[in-house]
Amino acid sequence: MAFQAEGQRPDPRPGPGTPEAEAYLRDYATLLEAAPFPSLVVDHRWDVLLTNTAFRTLFQDVEPHPTALPVDNFLRFVLFHPDAATVLGDHESSWCLPMLAHFAKTVERHGHDHGLQAIRHDIAQDPIMEAAYRHGLPHWLRSVGERAAEQDGAVRPLLHPDPRWGATDCRIVVETTDTLRDMGCARLTLVLREIRRPPARRRRRAHRAVSHLRVVHAAD
């Protein structure tokens, strides 16, 4: 496994440079670890700075991937990891499209960011995802409303590996402190909801050529 769900918490990755910021992140990691629900800290590129054990447990069964592990860049995981749909329920419409829309807005604000441009390049290399991004996404937003691109408050389905949760929903809660905001970061918590949904089959890993996005077509 590329990461472990249990055991010693990994050290936080270096923050934006100063010893004070890194010390803050170390202490924030302790706070994050006390949260019972999956929680992570990301920057505007969705690069992951911190995760807690509950988050790593949620994604403990995903296979290694060179660029799209959930503990490395969560946006890349949602868009490009072939195992994403085994954890993220209703993967295409509930996760891919909203995060593509959020990414598009972020690119408008930080268009010259090299990390964002690298993600944009990888989207362009996937013909179906590029069609969704360029042609289908505007139509989808007109249909569902701009609010669909927001992360905070969204309720999305999950397939938890722990059978005590199984097929459930989570509400995404986005928070930031003044210090995290100064770093360009935010904390996301996936608040698991105690609901009783019909058992869902966890999707088998499919060997695919490039894309797993099918919900929006170029014709839109």
C-alpha atoms as a PDB file:
ATOM      1  CA  MET A   1       0.000   0.000   0.000  1.00  0.00           C
ATOM      2  CA  ALA A   2       1.163   3.517  -0.738  1.00  0.00           C
ATOM      3  CA  PHE A   3      -0.086   4.673   2.670  1.00  0.00           C
ATOM      4  CA  GLN A   4      -1.326   3.069   5.842  1.00  0.00           C
ATOM      5  CA  ALA A   5      -4.671   3.679   7.501  1.00  0.00           C
ATOM      6  CA  GLU A   6      -3.261   3.020  10.946  1.00  0.00           C
ATOM      7  CA  GLY A   7      -0.063   3.633  12.814  1.00  0.00           C
ATOM      8  CA  GLN A   8       2.047   6.710  13.239  1.00  0.00           C
ATOM      9  CA  ARG A   9       0.705   9.831  11.595  1.00  0.00           C
ATOM     10  CA  PRO A  10       2.984  11.046   8.798  1.00  0.00           C
ATOM     11  CA  ASP A  11       4.664  14.397   9.271  1.00  0.00           C
ATOM     12  CA  PRO A  12       2.855  17.254   7.531  1.00  0.00           C
ATOM     13  CA  ARG A  13       4.341  18.371   4.268  1.00  0.00           C
ATOM     14  CA  PRO A  14       6.212  21.664   4.279  1.00  0.00           C
ATOM     15  CA  GLY A  15       3.893  24.632   4.278  1.00  0.00           C
ATOM     16  CA  PRO A  16       4.482  27.970   2.628  1.00  0.00           C
ATOM     17  CA  GLY A  17       7.963  28.366   3.916  1.00  0.00           C
ATOM     18  CA  THR A  18       8.291  29.818   7.361  1.00  0.00           C
ATOM     19  CA  PRO A  19       9.154  27.839  10.508  1.00  0.00           C
ATOM     20  CA  GLU A  20       6.083  29.358  12.177  1.00  0.00           C
ATOM     21  CA  ALA A  21       3.814  28.050   9.427  1.00  0.00           C
ATOM     22  CA  GLU A  22       5.291  24.568   9.652  1.00  0.00           C
ATOM     23  CA  ALA A  23       4.953  24.562  13.430  1.00  0.00           C
ATOM     24  CA  TYR A  24       1.323  25.598  13.048  1.00  0.00           C
ATOM     25  CA  LEU A  25       0.709  22.746  10.612  1.00  0.00           C
ATOM     26  CA  ARG A  26       2.281  20.241  12.992  1.00  0.00           C
ATOM     27  CA  ASP A  27      -0.076  21.329  15.756  1.00  0.00           C
ATOM     28  CA  TYR A  28      -3.005  21.474  13.343  1.00  0.00           C
ATOM     29  CA  ALA A  29      -2.239  17.871  12.372  1.00  0.00           C
ATOM     30  CA  THR A  30      -2.784  16.899  16.021  1.00  0.00           C
ATOM     31  CA  LEU A  31      -6.145  18.671  15.966  1.00  0.00           C
ATOM     32  CA  LEU A  32      -7.063  17.003  12.683  1.00  0.00           C
ATOM     33  CA  GLU A  33      -6.211  13.573  14.061  1.00  0.00           C
ATOM     34  CA  ALA A  34      -8.759  14.011  16.852  1.00  0.00           C
ATOM     35  CA  ALA A  35     -11.596  14.428  14.329  1.00  0.00           C
ATOM     36  CA  PRO A  36     -13.743  11.276  14.006  1.00  0.00           C
ATOM     37  CA  PHE A  37     -14.621  11.944  10.365  1.00  0.00           C
ATOM     38  CA  PRO A  38     -12.348  11.939   7.291  1.00  0.00           C
ATOM     39  CA  SER A  39     -10.622  15.294   7.142  1.00  0.00           C
ATOM     40  CA  LEU A  40      -7.854  16.871   5.066  1.00  0.00           C
ATOM     41  CA  VAL A  41      -6.151  20.208   4.491  1.00  0.00           C
ATOM     42  CA  VAL A  42      -5.599  21.268   0.880  1.00  0.00           C
ATOM     43  CA  ASP A  43      -4.248  24.291  -0.936  1.00  0.00           C
ATOM     44  CA  HIS A  44      -5.892  25.958  -3.941  1.00  0.00           C
ATOM     45  CA  ARG A  45      -4.423  23.273  -6.244  1.00  0.00           C
ATOM     46  CA  TRP A  46      -5.994  20.558  -4.082  1.00  0.00           C
ATOM     47  CA  ASP A  47      -2.500  19.439  -3.086  1.00  0.00           C
ATOM     48  CA  VAL A  48      -2.942  17.681   0.253  1.00  0.00           C
ATOM     49  CA  LEU A  49      -0.953  19.034   3.193  1.00  0.00           C
ATOM     50  CA  LEU A  50      -2.551  17.020   5.992  1.00  0.00           C
ATOM     51  CA  THR A  51      -4.898  14.072   6.461  1.00  0.00           C
ATOM     52  CA  ASN A  52      -6.177  12.215   9.481  1.00  0.00           C
ATOM     53  CA  THR A  53      -6.515   8.490  10.142  1.00  0.00           C
ATOM     54  CA  ALA A  54     -10.231   8.513   9.295  1.00  0.00           C
ATOM     55  CA  PHE A  55      -9.411   9.913   5.847  1.00  0.00           C
ATOM     56  CA  ARG A  56      -6.689   7.362   5.184  1.00  0.00           C
ATOM     57  CA  THR A  57      -8.995   4.568   6.346  1.00  0.00           C
ATOM     58  CA  LEU A  58     -11.666   5.663   3.872  1.00  0.00           C
ATOM     59  CA  PHE A  59      -9.212   5.298   0.986  1.00  0.00           C
ATOM     60  CA  GLN A  60      -7.158   2.405   2.334  1.00  0.00           C
ATOM     61  CA  ASP A  61      -8.044   0.025  -0.502  1.00  0.00           C
ATOM     62  CA  VAL A  62      -7.150   2.224  -3.469  1.00  0.00           C
ATOM     63  CA  GLU A  63      -4.237   1.010  -5.543  1.00  0.00           C
ATOM     64  CA  PRO A  64      -0.984   2.949  -5.890  1.00  0.00           C
ATOM     65  CA  HIS A  65      -0.950   5.583  -8.592  1.00  0.00           C
ATOM     66  CA  PRO A  66       1.919   7.797  -9.792  1.00  0.00           C
ATOM     67  CA  THR A  67       0.043  11.113  -9.730  1.00  0.00           C
ATOM     68  CA  ALA A  68      -3.473  10.694  -8.325  1.00  0.00           C
ATOM     69  CA  LEU A  69      -3.368   9.282  -4.798  1.00  0.00           C
ATOM     70  CA  PRO A  70      -5.955  10.838  -2.466  1.00  0.00           C
ATOM     71  CA  VAL A  71      -3.216  11.766   0.021  1.00  0.00           C
ATOM     72  CA  ASP A  72      -1.276  13.655  -2.687  1.00  0.00           C
ATOM     73  CA  ASN A  73      -3.812  15.669  -4.686  1.00  0.00           C
ATOM     74  CA  PHE A  74      -7.491  15.078  -4.058  1.00  0.00           C
ATOM     75  CA  LEU A  75      -8.673  16.674  -7.297  1.00  0.00           C
ATOM     76  CA  ARG A  76      -6.398  14.424  -9.324  1.00  0.00           C
ATOM     77  CA  PHE A  77      -7.712  11.434  -7.396  1.00  0.00           C
ATOM     78  CA  VAL A  78     -11.323  12.293  -8.205  1.00  0.00           C
ATOM     79  CA  LEU A  79     -10.616  12.946 -11.886  1.00  0.00           C
ATOM     80  CA  PHE A  80      -7.939  10.427 -12.795  1.00  0.00           C
ATOM     81  CA  HIS A  81      -7.631   7.518 -10.367  1.00  0.00           C
ATOM     82  CA  PRO A  82      -9.296   4.359 -11.728  1.00  0.00           C
ATOM     83  CA  ASP A  83     -10.335   3.340  -8.195  1.00  0.00           C
ATOM     84  CA  ALA A  84     -12.104   6.607  -7.393  1.00  0.00           C
ATOM     85  CA  ALA A  85     -15.547   5.178  -8.127  1.00  0.00           C
ATOM     86  CA  THR A  86     -14.987   2.344  -5.637  1.00  0.00           C
ATOM     87  CA  VAL A  87     -15.124   4.907  -2.815  1.00  0.00           C
ATOM     88  CA  LEU A  88     -16.904   7.946  -4.254  1.00  0.00           C
ATOM     89  CA  GLY A  89     -20.500   6.965  -4.947  1.00  0.00           C
ATOM     90  CA  ASP A  90     -22.287   8.294  -8.025  1.00  0.00           C
ATOM     91  CA  HIS A  91     -18.765   9.239  -9.020  1.00  0.00           C
ATOM     92  CA  GLU A  92     -19.291  11.080 -12.276  1.00  0.00           C
ATOM     93  CA  SER A  93     -22.228  13.361 -11.493  1.00  0.00           C
ATOM     94  CA  SER A  94     -21.699  13.794  -7.738  1.00  0.00           C
ATOM     95  CA  TRP A  95     -17.920  14.174  -7.662  1.00  0.00           C
ATOM     96  CA  CYS A  96     -16.278  14.635 -11.091  1.00  0.00           C
ATOM     97  CA  LEU A  97     -18.537  17.329 -12.508  1.00  0.00           C
ATOM     98  CA  PRO A  98     -18.747  19.498  -9.374  1.00  0.00           C
ATOM     99  CA  MET A  99     -14.985  19.352  -8.925  1.00  0.00           C
ATOM    100  CA  LEU A 100     -14.369  20.094 -12.602  1.00  0.00           C
ATOM    101  CA  ALA A 101     -16.600  23.134 -12.188  1.00  0.00           C
ATOM    102  CA  HIS A 102     -14.746  24.189  -9.045  1.00  0.00           C
ATOM    103  CA  PHE A 103     -11.443  23.697 -10.864  1.00  0.00           C
ATOM    104  CA  ALA A 104     -12.622  25.869 -13.769  1.00  0.00           C
ATOM    105  CA  LYS A 105     -13.411  28.713 -11.367  1.00  0.00           C
ATOM    106  CA  THR A 106     -10.043  28.325  -9.667  1.00  0.00           C
ATOM    107  CA  VAL A 107      -8.248  28.509 -13.012  1.00  0.00           C
ATOM    108  CA  GLU A 108     -10.030  31.806 -13.679  1.00  0.00           C
ATOM    109  CA  ARG A 109      -8.510  33.217 -10.486  1.00  0.00           C
ATOM    110  CA  HIS A 110      -5.060  31.598 -10.685  1.00  0.00           C
ATOM    111  CA  GLY A 111      -4.614  31.096 -14.399  1.00  0.00           C
ATOM    112  CA  HIS A 112      -0.806  31.269 -14.390  1.00  0.00           C
ATOM    113  CA  ASP A 113      -0.320  28.758 -11.580  1.00  0.00           C
ATOM    114  CA  HIS A 114       1.948  25.987 -12.881  1.00  0.00           C
ATOM    115  CA  GLY A 115       0.310  23.295 -10.747  1.00  0.00           C
ATOM    116  CA  LEU A 116      -3.150  24.158 -12.031  1.00  0.00           C
ATOM    117  CA  GLN A 117      -1.886  24.320 -15.587  1.00  0.00           C
ATOM    118  CA  ALA A 118      -0.440  20.815 -15.202  1.00  0.00           C
ATOM    119  CA  ILE A 119      -3.876  19.537 -14.183  1.00  0.00           C
ATOM    120  CA  ARG A 120      -5.446  21.426 -17.082  1.00  0.00           C
ATOM    121  CA  HIS A 121      -2.937  19.778 -19.429  1.00  0.00           C
ATOM    122  CA  ASP A 122      -3.871  16.317 -18.143  1.00  0.00           C
ATOM    123  CA  ILE A 123      -7.567  17.066 -18.606  1.00  0.00           C
ATOM    124  CA  ALA A 124      -6.814  18.063 -22.204  1.00  0.00           C
ATOM    125  CA  GLN A 125      -5.080  14.730 -22.776  1.00  0.00           C
ATOM    126  CA  ASP A 126      -8.279  12.850 -21.895  1.00  0.00           C
ATOM    127  CA  PRO A 127     -10.669  13.373 -24.851  1.00  0.00           C
ATOM    128  CA  ILE A 128     -13.867  12.663 -22.919  1.00  0.00           C
ATOM    129  CA  MET A 129     -12.901  14.775 -19.942  1.00  0.00           C
ATOM    130  CA  GLU A 130     -11.780  17.596 -22.234  1.00  0.00           C
ATOM    131  CA  ALA A 131     -15.154  17.479 -23.994  1.00  0.00           C
ATOM    132  CA  ALA A 132     -16.889  17.631 -20.614  1.00  0.00           C
ATOM    133  CA  TYR A 133     -14.718  20.553 -19.496  1.00  0.00           C
ATOM    134  CA  ARG A 134     -15.015  22.653 -22.647  1.00  0.00           C
ATOM    135  CA  HIS A 135     -18.526  21.870 -23.870  1.00  0.00           C
ATOM    136  CA  GLY A 136     -20.599  19.941 -21.346  1.00  0.00           C
ATOM    137  CA  LEU A 137     -19.712  21.772 -18.159  1.00  0.00           C
ATOM    138  CA  PRO A 138     -21.315  25.138 -19.065  1.00  0.00           C
ATOM    139  CA  HIS A 139     -24.509  23.343 -20.061  1.00  0.00           C
ATOM    140  CA  TRP A 140     -24.488  21.304 -16.841  1.00  0.00           C
ATOM    141  CA  LEU A 141     -24.051  24.430 -14.709  1.00  0.00           C
ATOM    142  CA  ARG A 142     -26.931  26.147 -16.477  1.00  0.00           C
ATOM    143  CA  SER A 143     -29.077  23.097 -15.739  1.00  0.00           C
ATOM    144  CA  VAL A 144     -28.188  22.571 -12.077  1.00  0.00           C
ATOM    145  CA  GLY A 145     -27.136  26.085 -11.027  1.00  0.00           C
ATOM    146  CA  GLU A 146     -23.810  27.625 -10.087  1.00  0.00           C
ATOM    147  CA  ARG A 147     -24.229  26.438  -6.504  1.00  0.00           C
ATOM    148  CA  ALA A 148     -23.467  22.901  -7.683  1.00  0.00           C
ATOM    149  CA  ALA A 149     -19.808  23.880  -8.047  1.00  0.00           C
ATOM    150  CA  GLU A 150     -19.524  24.807  -4.371  1.00  0.00           C
ATOM    151  CA  GLN A 151     -17.939  22.309  -2.014  1.00  0.00           C
ATOM    152  CA  ASP A 152     -19.121  23.553   1.389  1.00  0.00           C
ATOM    153  CA  GLY A 153     -22.439  22.016   2.347  1.00  0.00           C
ATOM    154  CA  ALA A 154     -22.594  19.559  -0.554  1.00  0.00           C
ATOM    155  CA  VAL A 155     -24.009  16.116   0.273  1.00  0.00           C
ATOM    156  CA  ARG A 156     -22.389  13.339  -1.729  1.00  0.00           C
ATOM    157  CA  PRO A 157     -22.522   9.539  -1.625  1.00  0.00           C
ATOM    158  CA  LEU A 158     -19.657   7.399  -0.348  1.00  0.00           C
ATOM    159  CA  LEU A 159     -18.889   3.687  -0.302  1.00  0.00           C
ATOM    160  CA  HIS A 160     -17.024   3.219   2.966  1.00  0.00           C
ATOM    161  CA  PRO A 161     -14.786   0.139   3.349  1.00  0.00           C
ATOM    162  CA  ASP A 162     -15.983  -0.249   6.943  1.00  0.00           C
ATOM    163  CA  PRO A 163     -19.217  -2.286   6.754  1.00  0.00           C
ATOM    164  CA  ARG A 164     -20.575  -0.342   9.734  1.00  0.00           C
ATOM    165  CA  TRP A 165     -20.903   2.587   7.300  1.00  0.00           C
ATOM    166  CA  GLY A 166     -21.069   0.872   3.921  1.00  0.00           C
ATOM    167  CA  ALA A 167     -23.068   2.837   1.363  1.00  0.00           C
ATOM    168  CA  THR A 168     -23.695   6.190   2.992  1.00  0.00           C
ATOM    169  CA  ASP A 169     -23.625   9.935   2.363  1.00  0.00           C
ATOM    170  CA  CYS A 170     -21.266  12.613   3.576  1.00  0.00           C
ATOM    171  CA  ARG A 171     -21.724  16.340   3.946  1.00  0.00           C
ATOM    172  CA  ILE A 172     -18.631  18.288   2.943  1.00  0.00           C
ATOM    173  CA  VAL A 173     -17.810  21.004   5.473  1.00  0.00           C
ATOM    174  CA  VAL A 174     -15.143  23.495   4.407  1.00  0.00           C
ATOM    175  CA  GLU A 175     -13.466  25.545   7.114  1.00  0.00           C
ATOM    176  CA  THR A 176     -10.401  27.726   7.334  1.00  0.00           C
ATOM    177  CA  THR A 177      -8.615  29.627  10.054  1.00  0.00           C
ATOM    178  CA  ASP A 178      -6.913  32.950   9.515  1.00  0.00           C
ATOM    179  CA  THR A 179      -3.546  31.188   9.446  1.00  0.00           C
ATOM    180  CA  LEU A 180      -4.671  28.567   6.946  1.00  0.00           C
ATOM    181  CA  ARG A 181      -6.238  31.285   4.814  1.00  0.00           C
ATOM    182  CA  ASP A 182      -2.945  33.155   4.775  1.00  0.00           C
ATOM    183  CA  MET A 183      -1.354  29.963   3.450  1.00  0.00           C
ATOM    184  CA  GLY A 184      -4.022  29.657   0.752  1.00  0.00           C
ATOM    185  CA  CYS A 185      -5.362  26.506   2.416  1.00  0.00           C
ATOM    186  CA  ALA A 186      -8.636  25.155   3.723  1.00  0.00           C
ATOM    187  CA  ARG A 187      -9.798  22.159   5.715  1.00  0.00           C
ATOM    188  CA  LEU A 188     -12.417  19.797   4.317  1.00  0.00           C
ATOM    189  CA  THR A 189     -14.259  17.321   6.521  1.00  0.00           C
ATOM    190  CA  LEU A 190     -16.470  14.566   5.129  1.00  0.00           C
ATOM    191  CA  VAL A 191     -19.131  14.297   7.816  1.00  0.00           C
ATOM    192  CA  LEU A 192     -20.512  10.787   7.482  1.00  0.00           C
ATOM    193  CA  ARG A 193     -24.265  10.572   7.857  1.00  0.00           C
ATOM    194  CA  GLU A 194     -25.944   7.703   9.681  1.00  0.00           C
ATOM    195  CA  ILE A 195     -28.426   6.667   7.046  1.00  0.00           C
ATOM    196  CA  ARG A 196     -29.654   3.312   5.841  1.00  0.00           C
ATOM    197  CA  ARG A 197     -29.198   3.027   2.103  1.00  0.00           C
ATOM    198  CA  PRO A 198     -29.666  -0.181   0.099  1.00  0.00           C
ATOM    199  CA  PRO A 199     -26.368  -2.061  -0.133  1.00  0.00           C
ATOM    200  CA  ALA A 200     -24.355  -0.866  -3.103  1.00  0.00           C
ATOM    201  CA  ARG A 201     -21.979  -2.974  -5.101  1.00  0.00           C
ATOM    202  CA  ARG A 202     -18.511  -1.551  -4.906  1.00  0.00           C
ATOM    203  CA  ARG A 203     -17.428  -1.096  -8.497  1.00  0.00           C
ATOM    204  CA  ARG A 204     -14.728  -3.430  -9.639  1.00  0.00           C
ATOM    205  CA  ARG A 205     -11.533  -1.877 -10.829  1.00  0.00           C
ATOM    206  CA  ALA A 206     -11.788  -1.591 -14.572  1.00  0.00           C
ATOM    207  CA  HIS A 207      -8.837  -1.547 -16.911  1.00  0.00           C
ATOM    208  CA  ARG A 208      -9.614   1.483 -19.007  1.00  0.00           C
ATOM    209  CA  ALA A 209      -7.765   3.220 -21.795  1.00  0.00           C
ATOM    210  CA  VAL A 210      -7.894   6.774 -20.471  1.00  0.00           C
ATOM    211  CA  SER A 211     -11.143   8.219 -19.225  1.00  0.00           C
ATOM    212  CA  HIS A 212     -13.812   7.074 -16.804  1.00  0.00           C
ATOM    213  CA  LEU A 213     -15.979  10.142 -17.321  1.00  0.00           C
ATOM    214  CA  ARG A 214     -19.055   9.495 -19.457  1.00  0.00           C
ATOM    215  CA  VAL A 215     -21.819  11.652 -18.027  1.00  0.00           C
ATOM    216  CA  VAL A 216     -21.279  14.731 -20.233  1.00  0.00           C
ATOM    217  CA  HIS A 217     -20.736  14.448 -23.946  1.00  0.00           C
ATOM    218  CA  ALA A 218     -19.275  16.820 -26.485  1.00  0.00           C
ATOM    219  CA  ALA A 219     -22.687  17.155 -28.098  1.00  0.00           C
ATOM    220  CA  ASP A 220     -23.917  19.061 -25.047  1.00  0.00           C
END
